[in-house]
Protein backbone atom coordinates (compact mmCIF):
# COMPACT_ATOMS: atom_id res chain seq x y z
CA UNK A 1 56.19 -44.14 66.47
CA UNK A 2 52.56 -44.57 65.48
CA UNK A 3 51.28 -42.94 62.31
CA UNK A 4 48.30 -40.65 61.95
CA UNK A 5 45.64 -41.38 59.35
CA UNK A 6 43.10 -39.23 57.52
CA UNK A 7 40.52 -42.01 57.88
CA UNK A 8 40.17 -45.70 58.72
CA UNK A 9 38.00 -48.75 58.05
CA UNK A 10 37.22 -51.99 59.88
CA UNK A 11 38.14 -55.50 58.77
CA UNK A 12 37.53 -58.57 60.94
CA UNK A 13 37.00 -56.37 63.99
CA UNK A 14 40.34 -54.54 63.58
CA UNK A 15 40.85 -50.94 62.36
CA UNK A 16 43.10 -50.13 59.40
CA UNK A 17 44.34 -46.65 58.51
CA UNK A 18 43.74 -44.85 55.21
CA UNK A 19 45.91 -42.01 53.86
CA UNK A 20 48.75 -41.25 56.24
CA UNK A 21 48.73 -37.59 57.37
CA UNK A 22 50.88 -35.21 59.36
CA UNK A 23 48.72 -34.30 62.41
CA UNK A 24 50.27 -30.81 62.62
CA UNK A 25 48.83 -30.01 59.19
CA UNK A 26 45.53 -31.85 59.50
CA UNK A 27 42.48 -30.55 61.42
CA UNK A 28 41.33 -34.10 62.14
CA UNK A 29 43.29 -37.36 62.15
CA UNK A 30 43.25 -40.78 63.76
CA UNK A 31 45.98 -42.78 65.43
CA UNK A 32 45.58 -46.56 65.66
CA UNK A 33 47.50 -47.88 68.65
CA UNK A 34 48.10 -51.58 69.24
CA UNK A 35 50.51 -53.76 71.16
CA UNK A 36 52.81 -55.97 69.01
CA UNK A 37 50.44 -58.95 69.35
CA UNK A 38 47.21 -56.99 68.72
CA UNK A 39 45.73 -58.10 72.04
CA UNK A 40 44.61 -54.54 72.75
CA UNK A 41 43.77 -51.96 70.09
CA UNK A 42 42.59 -48.38 70.39
CA UNK A 43 41.77 -45.53 68.04
CA UNK A 44 42.54 -41.98 69.11
CA UNK A 45 41.07 -38.98 67.33
CA UNK A 46 43.19 -35.83 67.10
CA UNK A 47 42.49 -32.17 66.35
CA UNK A 48 45.80 -31.16 64.81
CA UNK A 49 48.35 -32.53 67.34
CA UNK A 50 45.99 -32.58 70.35
CA UNK A 51 44.07 -35.64 71.48
CA UNK A 52 40.33 -35.05 71.04
CA UNK A 53 38.95 -38.32 72.41
CA UNK A 54 39.26 -42.10 72.34
CA UNK A 55 37.04 -43.47 69.55
CA UNK A 56 37.56 -47.14 70.40
CA UNK A 57 39.35 -49.24 73.01
CA UNK A 58 39.25 -53.02 72.77
CA UNK A 59 39.76 -53.20 76.53
CA UNK A 60 36.17 -51.97 76.97
CA UNK A 61 34.61 -53.72 73.96
CA UNK A 62 36.58 -55.92 71.59
CA UNK A 63 34.68 -56.06 68.29
CA UNK A 64 36.62 -59.23 67.41
CA UNK A 65 34.61 -61.05 70.11
CA UNK A 66 31.17 -60.13 68.80
CA UNK A 67 30.69 -63.45 67.07
CA UNK A 68 27.87 -65.80 67.99
CA UNK A 69 30.38 -68.32 69.36
CA UNK A 70 31.79 -65.78 71.84
CA UNK A 71 28.38 -64.40 72.87
CA UNK A 72 26.54 -67.68 73.35
CA UNK A 73 26.99 -67.63 77.14
CA UNK A 74 26.12 -63.96 77.64
CA UNK A 75 22.99 -63.17 79.62
CA UNK A 76 20.70 -60.16 79.19
CA UNK A 77 18.83 -58.77 82.19
CA UNK A 78 16.13 -56.14 81.63
CA UNK A 79 16.61 -53.27 84.07
CA UNK A 80 14.04 -50.72 82.88
CA UNK A 81 11.31 -50.63 80.25
CA UNK A 82 9.73 -47.44 78.97
CA UNK A 83 7.42 -46.61 76.05
CA UNK A 84 10.06 -46.52 73.32
CA UNK A 85 13.19 -47.91 75.01
CA UNK A 86 14.49 -50.73 77.18
CA UNK A 87 17.69 -50.70 79.22
CA UNK A 88 19.45 -54.04 79.68
CA UNK A 89 22.50 -55.26 81.57
CA UNK A 90 24.69 -57.84 79.83
CA UNK A 91 26.73 -60.38 81.76
CA UNK A 92 29.46 -62.60 80.37
CA UNK A 93 29.98 -66.33 80.99
CA UNK A 94 31.62 -65.54 84.37
CA UNK A 95 28.45 -63.66 85.45
CA UNK A 96 30.45 -60.42 85.31
CA UNK A 97 28.52 -57.26 84.32
CA UNK A 98 30.11 -56.09 81.05
CA UNK A 99 27.76 -53.67 79.21
CA UNK A 100 24.59 -51.69 79.26
CA UNK A 101 22.42 -51.80 76.16
CA UNK A 102 19.65 -49.32 75.46
CA UNK A 103 17.20 -50.62 72.86
CA UNK A 104 15.20 -47.98 70.97
CA UNK A 105 11.85 -48.96 69.45
CA UNK A 106 9.68 -47.59 66.66
CA UNK A 107 6.22 -49.13 66.18
CA UNK A 108 7.21 -51.95 68.60
CA UNK A 109 10.23 -52.87 66.46
CA UNK A 110 13.80 -52.34 67.65
CA UNK A 111 15.48 -49.76 65.38
CA UNK A 112 18.76 -49.24 67.26
CA UNK A 113 20.76 -50.42 70.23
CA UNK A 114 23.36 -48.25 71.93
CA UNK A 115 26.02 -50.04 73.95
CA UNK A 116 27.94 -48.44 76.79
CA UNK A 117 30.41 -49.69 79.36
CA UNK A 118 29.34 -50.29 82.93
CA UNK A 119 30.95 -46.88 83.62
CA UNK A 120 28.65 -45.16 81.11
CA UNK A 121 31.23 -44.73 78.33
CA UNK A 122 29.59 -44.97 74.86
CA UNK A 123 31.05 -47.92 72.92
CA UNK A 124 28.98 -48.65 69.81
CA UNK A 125 25.59 -48.57 68.17
CA UNK A 126 23.68 -51.21 66.23
CA UNK A 127 21.13 -50.01 63.70
CA UNK A 128 18.41 -52.38 62.56
CA UNK A 129 17.00 -52.18 59.05
CA UNK A 130 13.68 -53.56 57.74
CA UNK A 131 12.42 -53.66 54.17
CA UNK A 132 8.79 -53.30 55.34
CA UNK A 133 9.87 -49.97 56.91
CA UNK A 134 11.34 -48.84 53.57
CA UNK A 135 14.96 -49.75 54.41
CA UNK A 136 17.15 -51.31 51.70
CA UNK A 137 17.51 -54.68 53.50
CA UNK A 138 16.56 -56.69 56.59
CA UNK A 139 19.51 -56.72 58.93
CA UNK A 140 21.87 -55.07 61.37
CA UNK A 141 24.89 -52.79 61.01
CA UNK A 142 27.32 -52.28 63.90
CA UNK A 143 28.95 -48.82 64.07
CA UNK A 144 31.79 -47.50 66.23
CA UNK A 145 31.66 -44.11 67.98
CA UNK A 146 32.67 -42.32 64.77
CA UNK A 147 29.70 -43.97 63.01
CA UNK A 148 32.02 -46.08 60.88
CA UNK A 149 30.57 -49.51 60.02
CA UNK A 150 32.31 -52.43 61.73
CA UNK A 151 30.16 -55.27 60.36
CA UNK A 152 26.76 -55.94 58.87
CA UNK A 153 24.40 -58.89 58.81
CA UNK A 154 21.49 -59.54 56.46
CA UNK A 155 18.60 -61.74 57.59
CA UNK A 156 15.22 -63.04 56.56
CA UNK A 157 12.47 -61.32 58.54
CA UNK A 158 9.31 -62.88 59.99
CA UNK A 159 6.51 -60.28 59.94
CA UNK A 160 4.37 -62.43 62.27
CA UNK A 161 6.91 -62.35 65.13
CA UNK A 162 8.69 -59.10 64.09
CA UNK A 163 12.04 -60.89 64.39
CA UNK A 164 15.00 -61.67 62.19
CA UNK A 165 15.19 -65.37 61.31
CA UNK A 166 17.81 -66.98 59.05
CA UNK A 167 21.18 -65.27 58.70
CA UNK A 168 21.82 -64.79 54.96
CA UNK A 169 25.08 -62.80 55.00
CA UNK A 170 27.61 -61.69 57.60
CA UNK A 171 30.28 -59.24 56.42
CA UNK A 172 33.26 -58.14 58.52
CA UNK A 173 35.30 -56.42 55.76
CA UNK A 174 34.08 -52.81 55.66
CA UNK A 175 36.79 -51.41 53.37
CA UNK A 176 34.23 -50.67 50.64
CA UNK A 177 31.27 -49.95 52.87
CA UNK A 178 30.14 -46.46 51.88
CA UNK A 179 26.56 -47.73 51.51
CA UNK A 180 26.49 -48.49 55.24
CA UNK A 181 27.83 -45.15 56.45
CA UNK A 182 25.66 -43.81 59.27
CA UNK A 183 24.06 -40.40 59.23
CA UNK A 184 26.51 -38.15 61.09
């Protein structure tokens, strides 16, 4: 029997429950479901004892594989460009279409990237932060569909090219990540 949790956090691309709760007495809870070997993981959100929706399913996007080593062979194909957004198709090393990304721009600088499955199911969002745009750091935070931080990276930023350069910090333990909570 899987337990229900009041909340959860991400560590190394895996979810961990916080404060076990009885779903019959709780307006909102989460159930983390995994096989014994943690090959596939999902998070289900409940309203009392009724399933509300699937927050995360590693079958569609496994956060544990979002490392540079695993992404090195991915290809991005631009499908559509508009004034403030660009839609891209991502293909894996087998040339299989795996995701759509929609990049959102502000003043010609990418501020966020929403990722969805090929079927149109929302999977995650990356938010980009820039100190010259009055953000607290230069970097990226990856959020799940509940806007919980999964990981963050801090970079140097080149104002001439408007691109991140050297990676300074990469953090995958979001247990104490309240400063990265997204606006709900």
